[in-house]
Full PDB file with SEQRES, HELIX, SHEET, SSBOND, CRYST1, ORIGX, SCALE, CONECT and MASTER records, all heavy atoms in Angstrom:
SEQRES   1 A   30  GLU MET TYR PRO ALA ASP VAL ASP LEU PRO GLY LEU ALA          
SEQRES   2 A   30  LEU ARG LEU GLY ALA ASP VAL PRO PHE PHE LEU LEU GLY          
SEQRES   3 A   30  SER ALA ALA ILE                                              
HELIX    1 AA1 LEU A    9  LEU A   16  1                                   8    
HELIX    2 AA2 VAL A   20  LEU A   25  1                                   6    
CRYST1    1.000    1.000    1.000  90.00  90.00  90.00 P 1           1          
ORIGX1      1.000000  0.000000  0.000000        0.00000                         
ORIGX2      0.000000  1.000000  0.000000        0.00000                         
ORIGX3      0.000000  0.000000  1.000000        0.00000                         
SCALE1      1.000000  0.000000  0.000000        0.00000                         
SCALE2      0.000000  1.000000  0.000000        0.00000                         
SCALE3      0.000000  0.000000  1.000000        0.00000                         
ATOM      1  N   GLU A   1     -20.157 -10.071  36.219  1.00  0.00           N  
ATOM      2  CA  GLU A   1     -20.291 -10.411  34.799  1.00  0.00           C  
ATOM      3  C   GLU A   1     -19.307  -9.597  33.957  1.00  0.00           C  
ATOM      4  O   GLU A   1     -18.722 -10.112  32.995  1.00  0.00           O  
ATOM      5  CB  GLU A   1     -21.728 -10.141  34.331  1.00  0.00           C  
ATOM      6  CG  GLU A   1     -21.993 -10.533  32.888  1.00  0.00           C  
ATOM      7  CD  GLU A   1     -23.436 -10.347  32.484  1.00  0.00           C  
ATOM      8  OE1 GLU A   1     -24.306 -10.232  33.367  1.00  0.00           O  
ATOM      9  OE2 GLU A   1     -23.702 -10.298  31.253  1.00  0.00           O  
ATOM     10  N   MET A   2     -19.126  -8.334  34.333  1.00  0.00           N  
ATOM     11  CA  MET A   2     -18.231  -7.460  33.576  1.00  0.00           C  
ATOM     12  C   MET A   2     -16.767  -7.842  33.782  1.00  0.00           C  
ATOM     13  O   MET A   2     -15.972  -7.867  32.847  1.00  0.00           O  
ATOM     14  CB  MET A   2     -18.464  -6.004  34.001  1.00  0.00           C  
ATOM     15  CG  MET A   2     -17.668  -4.983  33.225  1.00  0.00           C  
ATOM     16  SD  MET A   2     -18.014  -3.295  33.816  1.00  0.00           S  
ATOM     17  CE  MET A   2     -19.743  -3.117  33.352  1.00  0.00           C  
ATOM     18  N   TYR A   3     -16.414  -8.142  35.031  1.00  0.00           N  
ATOM     19  CA  TYR A   3     -15.044  -8.498  35.398  1.00  0.00           C  
ATOM     20  C   TYR A   3     -15.059  -9.823  36.168  1.00  0.00           C  
ATOM     21  O   TYR A   3     -14.971  -9.847  37.387  1.00  0.00           O  
ATOM     22  CB  TYR A   3     -14.418  -7.417  36.279  1.00  0.00           C  
ATOM     23  CG  TYR A   3     -14.305  -6.045  35.663  1.00  0.00           C  
ATOM     24  CD1 TYR A   3     -14.812  -4.930  36.326  1.00  0.00           C  
ATOM     25  CD2 TYR A   3     -13.673  -5.858  34.437  1.00  0.00           C  
ATOM     26  CE1 TYR A   3     -14.690  -3.654  35.780  1.00  0.00           C  
ATOM     27  CE2 TYR A   3     -13.547  -4.595  33.879  1.00  0.00           C  
ATOM     28  CZ  TYR A   3     -14.056  -3.496  34.558  1.00  0.00           C  
ATOM     29  OH  TYR A   3     -13.939  -2.240  34.006  1.00  0.00           O  
ATOM     30  N   PRO A   4     -15.200 -10.950  35.475  1.00  0.00           N  
ATOM     31  CA  PRO A   4     -15.283 -12.243  36.168  1.00  0.00           C  
ATOM     32  C   PRO A   4     -14.046 -12.493  37.028  1.00  0.00           C  
ATOM     33  O   PRO A   4     -12.916 -12.229  36.607  1.00  0.00           O  
ATOM     34  CB  PRO A   4     -15.363 -13.255  35.019  1.00  0.00           C  
ATOM     35  CG  PRO A   4     -15.867 -12.469  33.850  1.00  0.00           C  
ATOM     36  CD  PRO A   4     -15.286 -11.104  34.005  1.00  0.00           C  
ATOM     37  N   ALA A   5     -14.287 -12.975  38.248  1.00  0.00           N  
ATOM     38  CA  ALA A   5     -13.190 -13.282  39.166  1.00  0.00           C  
ATOM     39  C   ALA A   5     -13.704 -14.214  40.243  1.00  0.00           C  
ATOM     40  O   ALA A   5     -14.920 -14.315  40.483  1.00  0.00           O  
ATOM     41  CB  ALA A   5     -12.622 -12.005  39.792  1.00  0.00           C  
ATOM     42  N   ASP A   6     -12.807 -14.905  40.892  1.00  0.00           N  
ATOM     43  CA  ASP A   6     -13.160 -15.832  41.970  1.00  0.00           C  
ATOM     44  C   ASP A   6     -13.388 -15.029  43.253  1.00  0.00           C  
ATOM     45  O   ASP A   6     -12.483 -14.884  44.081  1.00  0.00           O  
ATOM     46  CB  ASP A   6     -12.049 -16.863  42.161  1.00  0.00           C  
ATOM     47  CG  ASP A   6     -12.427 -17.923  43.190  1.00  0.00           C  
ATOM     48  OD1 ASP A   6     -13.627 -18.008  43.542  1.00  0.00           O  
ATOM     49  OD2 ASP A   6     -11.525 -18.645  43.658  1.00  0.00           O  
ATOM     50  N   VAL A   7     -14.591 -14.504  43.376  1.00  0.00           N  
ATOM     51  CA  VAL A   7     -14.933 -13.631  44.503  1.00  0.00           C  
ATOM     52  C   VAL A   7     -16.112 -14.230  45.258  1.00  0.00           C  
ATOM     53  O   VAL A   7     -17.046 -14.768  44.652  1.00  0.00           O  
ATOM     54  CB  VAL A   7     -15.304 -12.219  43.999  1.00  0.00           C  
ATOM     55  CG1 VAL A   7     -15.844 -11.350  45.127  1.00  0.00           C  
ATOM     56  CG2 VAL A   7     -14.089 -11.545  43.368  1.00  0.00           C  
ATOM     57  N   ASP A   8     -16.081 -14.160  46.570  1.00  0.00           N  
ATOM     58  CA  ASP A   8     -17.162 -14.658  47.425  1.00  0.00           C  
ATOM     59  C   ASP A   8     -18.284 -13.618  47.448  1.00  0.00           C  
ATOM     60  O   ASP A   8     -18.345 -12.767  48.338  1.00  0.00           O  
ATOM     61  CB  ASP A   8     -16.627 -14.916  48.836  1.00  0.00           C  
ATOM     62  CG  ASP A   8     -17.713 -15.368  49.804  1.00  0.00           C  
ATOM     63  OD1 ASP A   8     -18.805 -15.758  49.341  1.00  0.00           O  
ATOM     64  OD2 ASP A   8     -17.472 -15.305  51.033  1.00  0.00           O  
ATOM     65  N   LEU A   9     -19.179 -13.706  46.447  1.00  0.00           N  
ATOM     66  CA  LEU A   9     -20.261 -12.712  46.359  1.00  0.00           C  
ATOM     67  C   LEU A   9     -21.178 -12.732  47.583  1.00  0.00           C  
ATOM     68  O   LEU A   9     -21.516 -11.665  48.114  1.00  0.00           O  
ATOM     69  CB  LEU A   9     -21.072 -12.930  45.080  1.00  0.00           C  
ATOM     70  CG  LEU A   9     -20.388 -12.568  43.758  1.00  0.00           C  
ATOM     71  CD1 LEU A   9     -21.365 -12.743  42.607  1.00  0.00           C  
ATOM     72  CD2 LEU A   9     -19.836 -11.155  43.775  1.00  0.00           C  
ATOM     73  N   PRO A  10     -21.637 -13.910  48.065  1.00  0.00           N  
ATOM     74  CA  PRO A  10     -22.487 -13.904  49.263  1.00  0.00           C  
ATOM     75  C   PRO A  10     -21.797 -13.266  50.468  1.00  0.00           C  
ATOM     76  O   PRO A  10     -22.437 -12.565  51.259  1.00  0.00           O  
ATOM     77  CB  PRO A  10     -22.779 -15.383  49.495  1.00  0.00           C  
ATOM     78  CG  PRO A  10     -22.669 -16.008  48.148  1.00  0.00           C  
ATOM     79  CD  PRO A  10     -21.545 -15.263  47.492  1.00  0.00           C  
ATOM     80  N   GLY A  11     -20.501 -13.512  50.619  1.00  0.00           N  
ATOM     81  CA  GLY A  11     -19.763 -12.911  51.722  1.00  0.00           C  
ATOM     82  C   GLY A  11     -19.713 -11.401  51.609  1.00  0.00           C  
ATOM     83  O   GLY A  11     -19.921 -10.676  52.589  1.00  0.00           O  
ATOM     84  N   LEU A  12     -19.447 -10.902  50.393  1.00  0.00           N  
ATOM     85  CA  LEU A  12     -19.451  -9.456  50.169  1.00  0.00           C  
ATOM     86  C   LEU A  12     -20.834  -8.887  50.450  1.00  0.00           C  
ATOM     87  O   LEU A  12     -20.973  -7.823  51.069  1.00  0.00           O  
ATOM     88  CB  LEU A  12     -19.057  -9.138  48.726  1.00  0.00           C  
ATOM     89  CG  LEU A  12     -17.588  -9.270  48.319  1.00  0.00           C  
ATOM     90  CD1 LEU A  12     -17.416  -8.843  46.871  1.00  0.00           C  
ATOM     91  CD2 LEU A  12     -16.709  -8.430  49.226  1.00  0.00           C  
ATOM     92  N   ALA A  13     -21.861  -9.592  49.984  1.00  0.00           N  
ATOM     93  CA  ALA A  13     -23.230  -9.112  50.154  1.00  0.00           C  
ATOM     94  C   ALA A  13     -23.580  -8.945  51.625  1.00  0.00           C  
ATOM     95  O   ALA A  13     -24.149  -7.921  52.031  1.00  0.00           O  
ATOM     96  CB  ALA A  13     -24.211 -10.071  49.479  1.00  0.00           C  
ATOM     97  N   LEU A  14     -23.229  -9.924  52.440  1.00  0.00           N  
ATOM     98  CA  LEU A  14     -23.578  -9.862  53.860  1.00  0.00           C  
ATOM     99  C   LEU A  14     -22.852  -8.715  54.557  1.00  0.00           C  
ATOM    100  O   LEU A  14     -23.415  -8.056  55.429  1.00  0.00           O  
ATOM    101  CB  LEU A  14     -23.252 -11.190  54.542  1.00  0.00           C  
ATOM    102  CG  LEU A  14     -23.624 -11.283  56.028  1.00  0.00           C  
ATOM    103  CD1 LEU A  14     -25.105 -11.001  56.236  1.00  0.00           C  
ATOM    104  CD2 LEU A  14     -23.255 -12.641  56.577  1.00  0.00           C  
ATOM    105  N   ARG A  15     -21.627  -8.460  54.154  1.00  0.00           N  
ATOM    106  CA  ARG A  15     -20.895  -7.357  54.768  1.00  0.00           C  
ATOM    107  C   ARG A  15     -21.487  -6.003  54.395  1.00  0.00           C  
ATOM    108  O   ARG A  15     -21.343  -5.026  55.136  1.00  0.00           O  
ATOM    109  CB  ARG A  15     -19.413  -7.410  54.371  1.00  0.00           C  
ATOM    110  CG  ARG A  15     -18.664  -8.565  55.037  1.00  0.00           C  
ATOM    111  CD  ARG A  15     -17.164  -8.387  54.957  1.00  0.00           C  
ATOM    112  NE  ARG A  15     -16.653  -8.506  53.594  1.00  0.00           N  
ATOM    113  CZ  ARG A  15     -16.331  -9.667  53.024  1.00  0.00           C  
ATOM    114  NH1 ARG A  15     -16.504 -10.811  53.685  1.00  0.00           N  
ATOM    115  NH2 ARG A  15     -15.846  -9.697  51.802  1.00  0.00           N  
ATOM    116  N   LEU A  16     -22.186  -5.947  53.273  1.00  0.00           N  
ATOM    117  CA  LEU A  16     -22.799  -4.690  52.840  1.00  0.00           C  
ATOM    118  C   LEU A  16     -24.113  -4.410  53.559  1.00  0.00           C  
ATOM    119  O   LEU A  16     -24.481  -3.255  53.758  1.00  0.00           O  
ATOM    120  CB  LEU A  16     -23.037  -4.720  51.327  1.00  0.00           C  
ATOM    121  CG  LEU A  16     -21.776  -4.641  50.471  1.00  0.00           C  
ATOM    122  CD1 LEU A  16     -22.078  -5.051  49.037  1.00  0.00           C  
ATOM    123  CD2 LEU A  16     -21.195  -3.231  50.507  1.00  0.00           C  
ATOM    124  N   GLY A  17     -24.843  -5.457  53.945  1.00  0.00           N  
ATOM    125  CA  GLY A  17     -26.116  -5.247  54.625  1.00  0.00           C  
ATOM    126  C   GLY A  17     -26.919  -6.519  54.714  1.00  0.00           C  
ATOM    127  O   GLY A  17     -26.758  -7.438  53.890  1.00  0.00           O  
ATOM    128  N   ALA A  18     -27.818  -6.592  55.711  1.00  0.00           N  
ATOM    129  CA  ALA A  18     -28.535  -7.835  55.997  1.00  0.00           C  
ATOM    130  C   ALA A  18     -29.455  -8.278  54.857  1.00  0.00           C  
ATOM    131  O   ALA A  18     -29.684  -9.472  54.675  1.00  0.00           O  
ATOM    132  CB  ALA A  18     -29.337  -7.683  57.286  1.00  0.00           C  
ATOM    133  N   ASP A  19     -30.012  -7.329  54.077  1.00  0.00           N  
ATOM    134  CA  ASP A  19     -30.929  -7.692  52.997  1.00  0.00           C  
ATOM    135  C   ASP A  19     -30.222  -7.982  51.679  1.00  0.00           C  
ATOM    136  O   ASP A  19     -30.836  -8.514  50.752  1.00  0.00           O  
ATOM    137  CB  ASP A  19     -31.953  -6.569  52.763  1.00  0.00           C  
ATOM    138  CG  ASP A  19     -33.058  -6.548  53.815  1.00  0.00           C  
ATOM    139  OD1 ASP A  19     -33.169  -7.526  54.582  1.00  0.00           O  
ATOM    140  OD2 ASP A  19     -33.802  -5.555  53.869  1.00  0.00           O  
ATOM    141  N   VAL A  20     -28.952  -7.619  51.568  1.00  0.00           N  
ATOM    142  CA  VAL A  20     -28.257  -7.762  50.287  1.00  0.00           C  
ATOM    143  C   VAL A  20     -28.157  -9.226  49.857  1.00  0.00           C  
ATOM    144  O   VAL A  20     -28.357  -9.537  48.673  1.00  0.00           O  
ATOM    145  CB  VAL A  20     -26.878  -7.083  50.333  1.00  0.00           C  
ATOM    146  CG1 VAL A  20     -26.184  -7.175  48.974  1.00  0.00           C  
ATOM    147  CG2 VAL A  20     -27.020  -5.613  50.746  1.00  0.00           C  
ATOM    148  N   PRO A  21     -27.873 -10.191  50.764  1.00  0.00           N  
ATOM    149  CA  PRO A  21     -27.834 -11.597  50.325  1.00  0.00           C  
ATOM    150  C   PRO A  21     -29.152 -12.071  49.708  1.00  0.00           C  
ATOM    151  O   PRO A  21     -29.141 -12.865  48.764  1.00  0.00           O  
ATOM    152  CB  PRO A  21     -27.522 -12.356  51.617  1.00  0.00           C  
ATOM    153  CG  PRO A  21     -26.769 -11.377  52.459  1.00  0.00           C  
ATOM    154  CD  PRO A  21     -27.417 -10.056  52.175  1.00  0.00           C  
ATOM    155  N   PHE A  22     -30.290 -11.587  50.220  1.00  0.00           N  
ATOM    156  CA  PHE A  22     -31.574 -11.983  49.645  1.00  0.00           C  
ATOM    157  C   PHE A  22     -31.669 -11.544  48.187  1.00  0.00           C  
ATOM    158  O   PHE A  22     -32.080 -12.315  47.310  1.00  0.00           O  
ATOM    159  CB  PHE A  22     -32.729 -11.383  50.445  1.00  0.00           C  
ATOM    160  CG  PHE A  22     -34.046 -11.403  49.707  1.00  0.00           C  
ATOM    161  CD1 PHE A  22     -34.746 -12.579  49.551  1.00  0.00           C  
ATOM    162  CD2 PHE A  22     -34.547 -10.243  49.123  1.00  0.00           C  
ATOM    163  CE1 PHE A  22     -35.951 -12.611  48.836  1.00  0.00           C  
ATOM    164  CE2 PHE A  22     -35.738 -10.258  48.416  1.00  0.00           C  
ATOM    165  CZ  PHE A  22     -36.444 -11.448  48.276  1.00  0.00           C  
ATOM    166  N   PHE A  23     -31.301 -10.320  47.905  1.00  0.00           N  
ATOM    167  CA  PHE A  23     -31.391  -9.829  46.530  1.00  0.00           C  
ATOM    168  C   PHE A  23     -30.376 -10.515  45.625  1.00  0.00           C  
ATOM    169  O   PHE A  23     -30.612 -10.672  44.431  1.00  0.00           O  
ATOM    170  CB  PHE A  23     -31.209  -8.309  46.503  1.00  0.00           C  
ATOM    171  CG  PHE A  23     -32.386  -7.558  47.033  1.00  0.00           C  
ATOM    172  CD1 PHE A  23     -32.327  -6.919  48.255  1.00  0.00           C  
ATOM    173  CD2 PHE A  23     -33.567  -7.491  46.320  1.00  0.00           C  
ATOM    174  CE1 PHE A  23     -33.409  -6.218  48.759  1.00  0.00           C  
ATOM    175  CE2 PHE A  23     -34.669  -6.798  46.806  1.00  0.00           C  
ATOM    176  CZ  PHE A  23     -34.591  -6.167  48.030  1.00  0.00           C  
ATOM    177  N   LEU A  24     -29.272 -10.931  46.190  1.00  0.00           N  
ATOM    178  CA  LEU A  24     -28.292 -11.689  45.411  1.00  0.00           C  
ATOM    179  C   LEU A  24     -28.874 -13.052  45.034  1.00  0.00           C  
ATOM    180  O   LEU A  24     -28.628 -13.555  43.934  1.00  0.00           O  
ATOM    181  CB  LEU A  24     -27.008 -11.857  46.215  1.00  0.00           C  
ATOM    182  CG  LEU A  24     -25.765 -12.295  45.459  1.00  0.00           C  
ATOM    183  CD1 LEU A  24     -25.361 -11.259  44.419  1.00  0.00           C  
ATOM    184  CD2 LEU A  24     -24.617 -12.546  46.426  1.00  0.00           C  
ATOM    185  N   LEU A  25     -29.678 -13.645  45.931  1.00  0.00           N  
ATOM    186  CA  LEU A  25     -30.317 -14.932  45.656  1.00  0.00           C  
ATOM    187  C   LEU A  25     -31.297 -14.808  44.503  1.00  0.00           C  
ATOM    188  O   LEU A  25     -31.351 -15.656  43.613  1.00  0.00           O  
ATOM    189  CB  LEU A  25     -31.038 -15.427  46.912  1.00  0.00           C  
ATOM    190  CG  LEU A  25     -31.809 -16.742  46.797  1.00  0.00           C  
ATOM    191  CD1 LEU A  25     -30.864 -17.914  46.597  1.00  0.00           C  
ATOM    192  CD2 LEU A  25     -32.680 -16.954  48.038  1.00  0.00           C  
ATOM    193  N   GLY A  26     -32.127 -13.761  44.529  1.00  0.00           N  
ATOM    194  CA  GLY A  26     -33.003 -13.460  43.405  1.00  0.00           C  
ATOM    195  C   GLY A  26     -34.302 -14.231  43.344  1.00  0.00           C  
ATOM    196  O   GLY A  26     -34.913 -14.327  42.278  1.00  0.00           O  
ATOM    197  N   SER A  27     -34.757 -14.791  44.473  1.00  0.00           N  
ATOM    198  CA  SER A  27     -36.035 -15.502  44.474  1.00  0.00           C  
ATOM    199  C   SER A  27     -36.685 -15.354  45.843  1.00  0.00           C  
ATOM    200  O   SER A  27     -36.041 -14.918  46.811  1.00  0.00           O  
ATOM    201  CB  SER A  27     -35.835 -16.987  44.154  1.00  0.00           C  
ATOM    202  OG  SER A  27     -35.149 -17.644  45.203  1.00  0.00           O  
ATOM    203  N   ALA A  28     -37.961 -15.694  45.926  1.00  0.00           N  
ATOM    204  CA  ALA A  28     -38.651 -15.663  47.210  1.00  0.00           C  
ATOM    205  C   ALA A  28     -37.943 -16.590  48.186  1.00  0.00           C  
ATOM    206  O   ALA A  28     -37.438 -17.657  47.807  1.00  0.00           O  
ATOM    207  CB  ALA A  28     -40.106 -16.090  47.046  1.00  0.00           C  
ATOM    208  N   ALA A  29     -37.877 -16.171  49.447  1.00  0.00           N  
ATOM    209  CA  ALA A  29     -37.133 -16.978  50.414  1.00  0.00           C  
ATOM    210  C   ALA A  29     -37.593 -16.664  51.832  1.00  0.00           C  
ATOM    211  O   ALA A  29     -38.059 -15.564  52.128  1.00  0.00           O  
ATOM    212  CB  ALA A  29     -35.633 -16.717  50.300  1.00  0.00           C  
ATOM    213  N   ILE A  30     -37.451 -17.656  52.700  1.00  0.00           N  
ATOM    214  CA  ILE A  30     -37.568 -17.434  54.133  1.00  0.00           C  
ATOM    215  C   ILE A  30     -36.207 -16.942  54.605  1.00  0.00           C  
ATOM    216  O   ILE A  30     -35.182 -17.560  54.322  1.00  0.00           O  
ATOM    217  CB  ILE A  30     -37.945 -18.733  54.866  1.00  0.00           C  
ATOM    218  CG1 ILE A  30     -39.275 -19.290  54.338  1.00  0.00           C  
ATOM    219  CG2 ILE A  30     -38.011 -18.503  56.379  1.00  0.00           C  
ATOM    220  CD1 ILE A  30     -39.559 -20.712  54.783  1.00  0.00           C  
TER     221      ILE A  30                                                      
MASTER        0    0    0    2    0    0    0    6  220    1    0    3          
END                                                                             
């Protein structure tokens, strides 16, 4: 939001850790 750019956020999230994509999603999920 601070520095908008065409970045693959889900890809970055997964490389950081297995739970990070879930928090990026922001809702209950299987």
